[in-house]
PDB file of N, CA and C in Angstrom:
ATOM      1  N   UNK A   1       0.864  -1.187   0.018  1.00  0.00           N
ATOM      2  CA  UNK A   1       0.018  -0.023   0.061  1.00  0.00           C
ATOM      3  C   UNK A   1       0.997   1.280   0.004  1.00  0.00           C
ATOM      4  N   UNK A   2       0.531   2.246  -0.840  1.00  0.00           N
ATOM      5  CA  UNK A   2       1.290   3.321  -0.838  1.00  0.00           C
ATOM      6  C   UNK A   2       1.266   4.188   0.367  1.00  0.00           C
ATOM      7  N   UNK A   3       2.328   4.984   0.633  1.00  0.00           N
ATOM      8  CA  UNK A   3       2.320   5.828   1.892  1.00  0.00           C
ATOM      9  C   UNK A   3       1.247   6.803   1.772  1.00  0.00           C
ATOM     10  N   UNK A   4       1.012   7.388   0.596  1.00  0.00           N
ATOM     11  CA  UNK A   4       0.076   8.448   0.551  1.00  0.00           C
ATOM     12  C   UNK A   4      -1.361   7.837   0.930  1.00  0.00           C
ATOM     13  N   UNK A   5      -1.695   6.721   0.356  1.00  0.00           N
ATOM     14  CA  UNK A   5      -3.041   6.051   0.855  1.00  0.00           C
ATOM     15  C   UNK A   5      -3.142   5.712   2.323  1.00  0.00           C
ATOM     16  N   UNK A   6      -1.984   5.103   2.930  1.00  0.00           N
ATOM     17  CA  UNK A   6      -1.927   4.733   4.300  1.00  0.00           C
ATOM     18  C   UNK A   6      -2.118   6.081   5.051  1.00  0.00           C
ATOM     19  N   UNK A   7      -1.440   7.238   4.803  1.00  0.00           N
ATOM     20  CA  UNK A   7      -1.511   8.278   5.524  1.00  0.00           C
ATOM     21  C   UNK A   7      -2.872   8.941   5.423  1.00  0.00           C
ATOM     22  N   UNK A   8      -3.437   8.986   4.364  1.00  0.00           N
ATOM     23  CA  UNK A   8      -4.885   9.636   4.187  1.00  0.00           C
ATOM     24  C   UNK A   8      -5.870   8.740   4.891  1.00  0.00           C
ATOM     25  N   UNK A   9      -5.796   7.472   4.761  1.00  0.00           N
ATOM     26  CA  UNK A   9      -6.643   6.647   5.453  1.00  0.00           C
ATOM     27  C   UNK A   9      -6.570   6.863   7.019  1.00  0.00           C
ATOM     28  N   UNK A  10      -5.247   7.061   7.334  1.00  0.00           N
ATOM     29  CA  UNK A  10      -5.006   7.259   8.752  1.00  0.00           C
ATOM     30  C   UNK A  10      -5.658   8.589   9.218  1.00  0.00           C
ATOM     31  N   UNK A  11      -5.506   9.538   8.517  1.00  0.00           N
ATOM     32  CA  UNK A  11      -6.030  10.880   8.991  1.00  0.00           C
ATOM     33  C   UNK A  11      -7.702  10.828   9.037  1.00  0.00           C
ATOM     34  N   UNK A  12      -8.365  10.089   7.971  1.00  0.00           N
ATOM     35  CA  UNK A  12      -9.726   9.940   7.850  1.00  0.00           C
ATOM     36  C   UNK A  12     -10.149   9.092   9.041  1.00  0.00           C
ATOM     37  N   UNK A  13      -9.434   7.970   9.375  1.00  0.00           N
ATOM     38  CA  UNK A  13      -9.830   7.200  10.441  1.00  0.00           C
ATOM     39  C   UNK A  13      -9.764   7.928  11.756  1.00  0.00           C
ATOM     40  N   UNK A  14      -8.697   8.557  12.009  1.00  0.00           N
ATOM     41  CA  UNK A  14      -8.592   9.388  13.214  1.00  0.00           C
ATOM     42  C   UNK A  14      -9.566  10.460  13.327  1.00  0.00           C
ATOM     43  N   UNK A  15     -10.003  11.147  12.273  1.00  0.00           N
ATOM     44  CA  UNK A  15     -11.241  11.990  12.372  1.00  0.00           C
ATOM     45  C   UNK A  15     -12.551  11.281  12.673  1.00  0.00           C
ATOM     46  N   UNK A  16     -12.756  10.238  12.120  1.00  0.00           N
ATOM     47  CA  UNK A  16     -13.826   9.446  12.648  1.00  0.00           C
ATOM     48  C   UNK A  16     -13.930   9.130  14.030  1.00  0.00           C
ATOM     49  N   UNK A  17     -12.798   8.642  14.492  1.00  0.00           N
ATOM     50  CA  UNK A  17     -12.817   8.106  15.694  1.00  0.00           C
ATOM     51  C   UNK A  17     -12.927   9.247  16.834  1.00  0.00           C
ATOM     52  N   UNK A  18     -12.288  10.460  16.383  1.00  0.00           N
ATOM     53  CA  UNK A  18     -12.528  11.606  17.288  1.00  0.00           C
ATOM     54  C   UNK A  18     -13.959  12.222  17.345  1.00  0.00           C
ATOM     55  N   UNK A  19     -14.597  12.075  16.025  1.00  0.00           N
ATOM     56  CA  UNK A  19     -15.994  12.490  15.972  1.00  0.00           C
ATOM     57  C   UNK A  19     -16.909  11.433  16.589  1.00  0.00           C
ATOM     58  N   UNK A  20     -16.464  10.263  16.512  1.00  0.00           N
ATOM     59  CA  UNK A  20     -17.386   9.236  17.286  1.00  0.00           C
ATOM     60  C   UNK A  20     -17.344   9.681  18.816  1.00  0.00           C
ATOM     61  N   UNK A  21     -16.180   9.936  19.227  1.00  0.00           N
ATOM     62  CA  UNK A  21     -15.966  10.170  20.749  1.00  0.00           C
ATOM     63  C   UNK A  21     -16.800  11.432  21.096  1.00  0.00           C
ATOM     64  N   UNK A  22     -16.773  12.479  20.092  1.00  0.00           N
ATOM     65  CA  UNK A  22     -17.538  13.650  20.559  1.00  0.00           C
ATOM     66  C   UNK A  22     -18.897  13.516  20.303  1.00  0.00           C
ATOM     67  N   UNK A  23     -19.458  12.414  19.559  1.00  0.00           N
ATOM     68  CA  UNK A  23     -20.872  12.255  19.128  1.00  0.00           C
ATOM     69  C   UNK A  23     -21.776  12.601  20.384  1.00  0.00           C
ATOM     70  N   UNK A  24     -21.501  12.044  21.480  1.00  0.00           N
ATOM     71  CA  UNK A  24     -22.221  12.000  22.504  1.00  0.00           C
ATOM     72  C   UNK A  24     -22.216  13.283  23.471  1.00  0.00           C
ATOM     73  N   UNK A  25     -21.437  14.205  23.022  1.00  0.00           N
ATOM     74  CA  UNK A  25     -21.353  15.437  23.836  1.00  0.00           C
ATOM     75  C   UNK A  25     -22.584  16.416  23.275  1.00  0.00           C
ATOM     76  N   UNK A  26     -23.194  16.917  24.226  1.00  0.00           N
ATOM     77  CA  UNK A  26     -24.522  17.703  23.760  1.00  0.00           C
ATOM     78  C   UNK A  26     -24.140  19.068  23.117  1.00  0.00           C
ATOM     79  N   UNK A  27     -23.724  19.180  22.205  1.00  0.00           N
ATOM     80  CA  UNK A  27     -23.242  20.452  21.349  1.00  0.00           C
ATOM     81  C   UNK A  27     -23.820  20.507  19.887  1.00  0.00           C
ATOM     82  N   UNK A  28     -23.603  21.468  19.268  1.00  0.00           N
ATOM     83  CA  UNK A  28     -24.151  21.706  17.954  1.00  0.00           C
ATOM     84  C   UNK A  28     -23.333  20.816  17.062  1.00  0.00           C
ATOM     85  N   UNK A  29     -23.920  20.164  16.029  1.00  0.00           N
ATOM     86  CA  UNK A  29     -23.332  19.277  15.105  1.00  0.00           C
ATOM     87  C   UNK A  29     -22.048  20.005  14.321  1.00  0.00           C
ATOM     88  N   UNK A  30     -22.192  21.154  13.823  1.00  0.00           N
ATOM     89  CA  UNK A  30     -21.118  21.939  13.182  1.00  0.00           C
ATOM     90  C   UNK A  30     -19.965  22.170  14.238  1.00  0.00           C
ATOM     91  N   UNK A  31     -20.261  22.364  15.500  1.00  0.00           N
ATOM     92  CA  UNK A  31     -19.159  22.461  16.506  1.00  0.00           C
ATOM     93  C   UNK A  31     -18.404  21.071  16.804  1.00  0.00           C
ATOM     94  N   UNK A  32     -19.156  20.070  16.663  1.00  0.00           N
ATOM     95  CA  UNK A  32     -18.543  18.637  16.833  1.00  0.00           C
ATOM     96  C   UNK A  32     -17.545  18.426  15.710  1.00  0.00           C
ATOM     97  N   UNK A  33     -18.072  18.727  14.447  1.00  0.00           N
ATOM     98  CA  UNK A  33     -17.136  18.572  13.328  1.00  0.00           C
ATOM     99  C   UNK A  33     -15.961  19.402  13.352  1.00  0.00           C
ATOM    100  N   UNK A  34     -16.055  20.568  13.784  1.00  0.00           N
ATOM    101  CA  UNK A  34     -14.843  21.489  13.846  1.00  0.00           C
ATOM    102  C   UNK A  34     -13.888  20.987  15.156  1.00  0.00           C
ATOM    103  N   UNK A  35     -14.576  20.555  16.237  1.00  0.00           N
ATOM    104  CA  UNK A  35     -13.600  20.141  17.172  1.00  0.00           C
ATOM    105  C   UNK A  35     -12.916  18.798  16.744  1.00  0.00           C
ATOM    106  N   UNK A  36     -13.715  17.892  16.054  1.00  0.00           N
ATOM    107  CA  UNK A  36     -13.109  16.711  15.693  1.00  0.00           C
ATOM    108  C   UNK A  36     -11.864  16.928  14.694  1.00  0.00           C
ATOM    109  N   UNK A  37     -12.111  18.042  13.701  1.00  0.00           N
ATOM    110  CA  UNK A  37     -11.137  18.314  12.785  1.00  0.00           C
ATOM    111  C   UNK A  37      -9.860  18.719  13.514  1.00  0.00           C
ATOM    112  N   UNK A  38     -10.038  19.636  14.395  1.00  0.00           N
ATOM    113  CA  UNK A  38      -8.915  20.321  15.198  1.00  0.00           C
ATOM    114  C   UNK A  38      -8.125  19.179  16.039  1.00  0.00           C
ATOM    115  N   UNK A  39      -8.949  18.419  16.868  1.00  0.00           N
ATOM    116  CA  UNK A  39      -8.367  17.370  17.681  1.00  0.00           C
ATOM    117  C   UNK A  39      -7.670  16.456  16.725  1.00  0.00           C
ATOM    118  N   UNK A  40      -8.276  15.992  15.728  1.00  0.00           N
ATOM    119  CA  UNK A  40      -7.668  14.822  14.955  1.00  0.00           C
ATOM    120  C   UNK A  40      -6.409  15.361  14.169  1.00  0.00           C
ATOM    121  N   UNK A  41      -6.423  16.556  13.804  1.00  0.00           N
ATOM    122  CA  UNK A  41      -5.187  17.189  13.276  1.00  0.00           C
ATOM    123  C   UNK A  41      -4.035  17.190  14.233  1.00  0.00           C
ATOM    124  N   UNK A  42      -4.359  17.704  15.437  1.00  0.00           N
ATOM    125  CA  UNK A  42      -3.217  17.740  16.574  1.00  0.00           C
ATOM    126  C   UNK A  42      -2.809  16.291  16.832  1.00  0.00           C
ATOM    127  N   UNK A  43      -3.797  15.341  16.933  1.00  0.00           N
ATOM    128  CA  UNK A  43      -3.297  13.965  17.357  1.00  0.00           C
ATOM    129  C   UNK A  43      -2.664  13.383  15.994  1.00  0.00           C
ATOM    130  N   UNK A  44      -2.997  13.594  14.805  1.00  0.00           N
ATOM    131  CA  UNK A  44      -2.259  13.011  13.790  1.00  0.00           C
ATOM    132  C   UNK A  44      -0.685  13.632  13.709  1.00  0.00           C
ATOM    133  N   UNK A  45      -0.572  14.705  14.260  1.00  0.00           N
ATOM    134  CA  UNK A  45       0.831  15.257  14.217  1.00  0.00           C
ATOM    135  C   UNK A  45       1.730  14.210  15.001  1.00  0.00           C
ATOM    136  N   UNK A  46       1.243  13.771  16.056  1.00  0.00           N
ATOM    137  CA  UNK A  46       2.112  12.810  16.870  1.00  0.00           C
ATOM    138  C   UNK A  46       1.863  11.488  16.563  1.00  0.00           C
ATOM    139  N   UNK A  47       0.584  11.044  16.242  1.00  0.00           N
ATOM    140  CA  UNK A  47       0.392   9.507  16.056  1.00  0.00           C
ATOM    141  C   UNK A  47       0.810   9.067  14.843  1.00  0.00           C
ATOM    142  N   UNK A  48       0.689   9.889  13.758  1.00  0.00           N
ATOM    143  CA  UNK A  48       1.009   9.449  12.508  1.00  0.00           C
ATOM    144  C   UNK A  48       2.277   9.906  11.774  1.00  0.00           C
ATOM    145  N   UNK A  49       3.206  10.246  12.694  1.00  0.00           N
ATOM    146  CA  UNK A  49       4.457  10.829  12.359  1.00  0.00           C
ATOM    147  C   UNK A  49       5.266   9.862  11.457  1.00  0.00           C
ATOM    148  N   UNK A  50       5.263   8.599  11.605  1.00  0.00           N
ATOM    149  CA  UNK A  50       6.129   7.584  10.879  1.00  0.00           C
ATOM    150  C   UNK A  50       5.511   7.672   9.559  1.00  0.00           C
ATOM    151  N   UNK A  51       4.257   7.501   9.306  1.00  0.00           N
ATOM    152  CA  UNK A  51       3.693   7.379   7.980  1.00  0.00           C
ATOM    153  C   UNK A  51       3.803   8.810   7.235  1.00  0.00           C
ATOM    154  N   UNK A  52       3.737   9.932   8.005  1.00  0.00           N
ATOM    155  CA  UNK A  52       4.102  11.127   7.361  1.00  0.00           C
ATOM    156  C   UNK A  52       5.418  11.258   6.817  1.00  0.00           C
ATOM    157  N   UNK A  53       6.302  10.756   7.548  1.00  0.00           N
ATOM    158  CA  UNK A  53       7.810  10.621   7.193  1.00  0.00           C
ATOM    159  C   UNK A  53       7.983   9.715   6.119  1.00  0.00           C
ATOM    160  N   UNK A  54       7.333   8.637   6.137  1.00  0.00           N
ATOM    161  CA  UNK A  54       7.415   7.716   4.889  1.00  0.00           C
ATOM    162  C   UNK A  54       6.815   8.391   3.687  1.00  0.00           C
ATOM    163  N   UNK A  55       5.761   9.068   3.812  1.00  0.00           N
ATOM    164  CA  UNK A  55       5.135   9.805   2.582  1.00  0.00           C
ATOM    165  C   UNK A  55       6.094  10.928   2.136  1.00  0.00           C
ATOM    166  N   UNK A  56       6.685  11.535   3.019  1.00  0.00           N
ATOM    167  CA  UNK A  56       7.675  12.731   2.520  1.00  0.00           C
ATOM    168  C   UNK A  56       8.883  12.114   1.968  1.00  0.00           C
ATOM    169  N   UNK A  57       9.266  10.831   2.354  1.00  0.00           N
ATOM    170  CA  UNK A  57      10.488  10.201   1.658  1.00  0.00           C
ATOM    171  C   UNK A  57      10.075   9.732   0.356  1.00  0.00           C
ATOM    172  N   UNK A  58       8.914   9.138   0.100  1.00  0.00           N
ATOM    173  CA  UNK A  58       8.417   8.836  -1.162  1.00  0.00           C
ATOM    174  C   UNK A  58       8.315  10.050  -2.189  1.00  0.00           C
ATOM    175  N   UNK A  59       7.805  11.111  -1.649  1.00  0.00           N
ATOM    176  CA  UNK A  59       7.636  12.239  -2.448  1.00  0.00           C
ATOM    177  C   UNK A  59       9.079  12.720  -2.973  1.00  0.00           C
ATOM    178  N   UNK A  60       9.961  12.802  -1.916  1.00  0.00           N
ATOM    179  CA  UNK A  60      11.350  13.296  -2.309  1.00  0.00           C
ATOM    180  C   UNK A  60      12.045  12.302  -3.411  1.00  0.00           C
ATOM    181  N   UNK A  61      11.798  11.077  -3.293  1.00  0.00           N
ATOM    182  CA  UNK A  61      12.272  10.156  -4.095  1.00  0.00           C
ATOM    183  C   UNK A  61      11.716  10.353  -5.632  1.00  0.00           C
ATOM    184  N   UNK A  62      10.356  10.533  -5.581  1.00  0.00           N
ATOM    185  CA  UNK A  62       9.688  10.880  -7.031  1.00  0.00           C
ATOM    186  C   UNK A  62      10.136  12.232  -7.468  1.00  0.00           C
ATOM    187  N   UNK A  63      10.439  13.170  -6.699  1.00  0.00           N
ATOM    188  CA  UNK A  63      10.809  14.328  -7.129  1.00  0.00           C
ATOM    189  C   UNK A  63      12.170  14.330  -7.891  1.00  0.00           C
ATOM    190  N   UNK A  64      13.158  13.522  -7.171  1.00  0.00           N
ATOM    191  CA  UNK A  64      14.429  13.272  -7.654  1.00  0.00           C
ATOM    192  C   UNK A  64      14.617  12.480  -8.947  1.00  0.00           C
ATOM    193  N   UNK A  65      13.616  11.509  -8.967  1.00  0.00           N
ATOM    194  CA  UNK A  65      13.445  10.767 -10.304  1.00  0.00           C
ATOM    195  C   UNK A  65      13.023  11.628 -11.345  1.00  0.00           C
ATOM    196  N   UNK A  66      12.012  12.482 -11.065  1.00  0.00           N
ATOM    197  CA  UNK A  66      11.512  13.414 -12.220  1.00  0.00           C
ATOM    198  C   UNK A  66      12.536  14.402 -12.512  1.00  0.00           C
ATOM    199  N   UNK A  67      13.380  14.827 -11.518  1.00  0.00           N
ATOM    200  CA  UNK A  67      14.386  15.955 -11.830  1.00  0.00           C
ATOM    201  C   UNK A  67      15.597  15.205 -12.715  1.00  0.00           C
ATOM    202  N   UNK A  68      15.856  13.889 -12.461  1.00  0.00           N
ATOM    203  CA  UNK A  68      16.990  13.310 -13.275  1.00  0.00           C
ATOM    204  C   UNK A  68      16.446  12.873 -14.606  1.00  0.00           C
ATOM    205  N   UNK A  69      15.213  12.467 -14.676  1.00  0.00           N
ATOM    206  CA  UNK A  69      14.678  12.185 -16.192  1.00  0.00           C
ATOM    207  C   UNK A  69      14.434  13.450 -16.841  1.00  0.00           C
ATOM    208  N   UNK A  70      14.183  14.491 -16.227  1.00  0.00           N
ATOM    209  CA  UNK A  70      14.017  15.834 -17.073  1.00  0.00           C
ATOM    210  C   UNK A  70      15.481  16.274 -17.456  1.00  0.00           C
ATOM    211  N   UNK A  71      16.371  16.124 -16.694  1.00  0.00           N
ATOM    212  CA  UNK A  71      17.753  16.484 -17.077  1.00  0.00           C
ATOM    213  C   UNK A  71      18.381  15.650 -18.248  1.00  0.00           C
ATOM    214  N   UNK A  72      17.904  14.279 -18.118  1.00  0.00           N
ATOM    215  CA  UNK A  72      18.324  13.265 -19.221  1.00  0.00           C
ATOM    216  C   UNK A  72      17.602  13.647 -20.468  1.00  0.00           C
ATOM    217  N   UNK A  73      16.317  14.077 -20.532  1.00  0.00           N
ATOM    218  CA  UNK A  73      15.708  14.437 -21.708  1.00  0.00           C
ATOM    219  C   UNK A  73      16.287  15.782 -22.216  1.00  0.00           C
ATOM    220  N   UNK A  74      16.551  16.724 -21.386  1.00  0.00           N
ATOM    221  CA  UNK A  74      17.161  17.939 -21.886  1.00  0.00           C
ATOM    222  C   UNK A  74      18.526  17.745 -22.540  1.00  0.00           C
ATOM    223  N   UNK A  75      19.333  16.988 -22.027  1.00  0.00           N
ATOM    224  CA  UNK A  75      20.664  16.660 -22.777  1.00  0.00           C
ATOM    225  C   UNK A  75      20.515  15.895 -23.918  1.00  0.00           C
ATOM    226  N   UNK A  76      19.541  14.960 -24.052  1.00  0.00           N
ATOM    227  CA  UNK A  76      19.145  14.276 -25.248  1.00  0.00           C
ATOM    228  C   UNK A  76      18.670  15.151 -26.428  1.00  0.00           C
ATOM    229  N   UNK A  77      17.772  16.132 -26.034  1.00  0.00           N
ATOM    230  CA  UNK A  77      17.186  17.009 -26.922  1.00  0.00           C
ATOM    231  C   UNK A  77      18.395  17.991 -27.404  1.00  0.00           C
ATOM    232  N   UNK A  78      19.230  18.414 -26.591  1.00  0.00           N
ATOM    233  CA  UNK A  78      20.351  19.226 -27.015  1.00  0.00           C
ATOM    234  C   UNK A  78      21.271  18.591 -27.847  1.00  0.00           C
ATOM    235  N   UNK A  79      21.216  17.256 -28.015  1.00  0.00           N
ATOM    236  CA  UNK A  79      22.362  16.627 -28.848  1.00  0.00           C
ATOM    237  C   UNK A  79      23.597  16.229 -27.972  1.00  0.00           C
ATOM    238  N   UNK A  80      23.377  16.325 -26.753  1.00  0.00           N
ATOM    239  CA  UNK A  80      24.478  15.941 -25.936  1.00  0.00           C
ATOM    240  C   UNK A  80      24.332  14.607 -25.202  1.00  0.00           C
ATOM    241  N   UNK A  81      23.477  13.714 -25.724  1.00  0.00           N
ATOM    242  CA  UNK A  81      23.094  12.505 -25.094  1.00  0.00           C
ATOM    243  C   UNK A  81      24.272  11.705 -24.533  1.00  0.00           C
ATOM    244  N   UNK A  82      25.151  11.343 -25.247  1.00  0.00           N
ATOM    245  CA  UNK A  82      26.531  10.665 -24.705  1.00  0.00           C
ATOM    246  C   UNK A  82      27.633  11.013 -25.714  1.00  0.00           C
ATOM    247  N   UNK A  83      28.668  10.850 -25.106  1.00  0.00           N
ATOM    248  CA  UNK A  83      29.811  11.190 -25.842  1.00  0.00           C
ATOM    249  C   UNK A  83      29.920   9.922 -26.881  1.00  0.00           C
ATOM    250  N   UNK A  84      30.406  10.220 -28.156  1.00  0.00           N
ATOM    251  CA  UNK A  84      30.648   9.120 -29.056  1.00  0.00           C
ATOM    252  C   UNK A  84      31.400   8.031 -28.504  1.00  0.00           C
ATOM    253  N   UNK A  85      31.102   6.778 -28.689  1.00  0.00           N
ATOM    254  CA  UNK A  85      31.834   5.669 -28.168  1.00  0.00           C
ATOM    255  C   UNK A  85      32.978   5.492 -29.316  1.00  0.00           C
ATOM    256  N   UNK A  86      34.299   5.295 -28.842  1.00  0.00           N
ATOM    257  CA  UNK A  86      35.296   5.127 -29.871  1.00  0.00           C
ATOM    258  C   UNK A  86      35.084   3.691 -30.435  1.00  0.00           C
ATOM    259  N   UNK A  87      35.386   3.667 -31.691  1.00  0.00           N
ATOM    260  CA  UNK A  87      35.472   2.190 -32.327  1.00  0.00           C
ATOM    261  C   UNK A  87      36.742   1.539 -31.857  1.00  0.00           C
ATOM    262  N   UNK A  88      36.585   0.223 -31.655  1.00  0.00           N
ATOM    263  CA  UNK A  88      37.749  -0.459 -31.395  1.00  0.00           C
ATOM    264  C   UNK A  88      38.717  -0.614 -32.442  1.00  0.00           C
ATOM    265  N   UNK A  89      39.935  -0.250 -32.314  1.00  0.00           N
ATOM    266  CA  UNK A  89      40.960  -0.358 -33.290  1.00  0.00           C
ATOM    267  C   UNK A  89      41.392  -1.801 -33.459  1.00  0.00           C
ATOM    268  N   UNK A  90      41.674  -2.348 -34.677  1.00  0.00           N
ATOM    269  CA  UNK A  90      42.203  -3.795 -34.664  1.00  0.00           C
ATOM    270  C   UNK A  90      43.538  -3.830 -34.176  1.00  0.00           C
ATOM    271  N   UNK A  91      43.949  -4.967 -33.585  1.00  0.00           N
ATOM    272  CA  UNK A  91      45.135  -5.217 -33.086  1.00  0.00           C
ATOM    273  C   UNK A  91      46.120  -5.623 -34.153  1.00  0.00           C
ATOM    274  N   UNK A  92      47.228  -4.846 -34.372  1.00  0.00           N
ATOM    275  CA  UNK A  92      48.046  -5.211 -35.741  1.00  0.00           C
ATOM    276  C   UNK A  92      48.842  -6.469 -35.511  1.00  0.00           C
ATOM    277  N   UNK A  93      48.858  -7.016 -34.266  1.00  0.00           N
ATOM    278  CA  UNK A  93      49.588  -8.356 -34.139  1.00  0.00           C
ATOM    279  C   UNK A  93      48.798  -9.459 -34.587  1.00  0.00           C
ATOM    280  N   UNK A  94      47.345  -9.278 -34.531  1.00  0.00           N
ATOM    281  CA  UNK A  94      46.660 -10.271 -35.010  1.00  0.00           C
ATOM    282  C   UNK A  94      46.427 -10.205 -36.478  1.00  0.00           C
ATOM    283  N   UNK A  95      46.373 -11.323 -37.202  1.00  0.00           N
ATOM    284  CA  UNK A  95      46.104 -11.322 -38.731  1.00  0.00           C
ATOM    285  C   UNK A  95      44.756 -11.065 -38.996  1.00  0.00           C
ATOM    286  N   UNK A  96      44.405 -10.957 -40.154  1.00  0.00           N
ATOM    287  CA  UNK A  96      42.919 -10.555 -40.607  1.00  0.00           C
ATOM    288  C   UNK A  96      41.996 -11.640 -40.125  1.00  0.00           C
ATOM    289  N   UNK A  97      40.749 -11.156 -40.023  1.00  0.00           N
ATOM    290  CA  UNK A  97      39.774 -11.975 -39.491  1.00  0.00           C
ATOM    291  C   UNK A  97      39.450 -13.095 -40.641  1.00  0.00           C
ATOM    292  N   UNK A  98      39.539 -14.265 -40.481  1.00  0.00           N
ATOM    293  CA  UNK A  98      39.285 -15.330 -41.524  1.00  0.00           C
ATOM    294  C   UNK A  98      38.220 -16.294 -41.119  1.00  0.00           C
ATOM    295  N   UNK A  99      37.464 -16.023 -40.076  1.00  0.00           N
ATOM    296  CA  UNK A  99      36.512 -16.634 -39.637  1.00  0.00           C
ATOM    297  C   UNK A  99      35.226 -16.728 -40.392  1.00  0.00           C
ATOM    298  N   UNK A 100      35.120 -15.947 -41.426  1.00  0.00           N
ATOM    299  CA  UNK A 100      33.986 -15.913 -42.247  1.00  0.00           C
ATOM    300  C   UNK A 100      33.848 -16.811 -43.253  1.00  0.00           C
TER     301      UNK A 100
END
């Protein structure tokens, strides 16, 4: 499972859990939703740190891959794809190739 999906489902689950805990408090529904949002955001900062760090690592890796691919494409389009490979020179000590 990708880190983004794990973290997103963790945030949603935490929000639902906090909302369920606040559901029996006798206040306005809008206030319950706002409190659940605030409390779940604060709790996720501590409880979901590992998943958040994993997500940040995946995003950094993807950014580096895109940057590398972009640079490779730029050099290819500029005609600087690779230095020409030297053709092997025949060894003068060997005779002509008679294997044909």
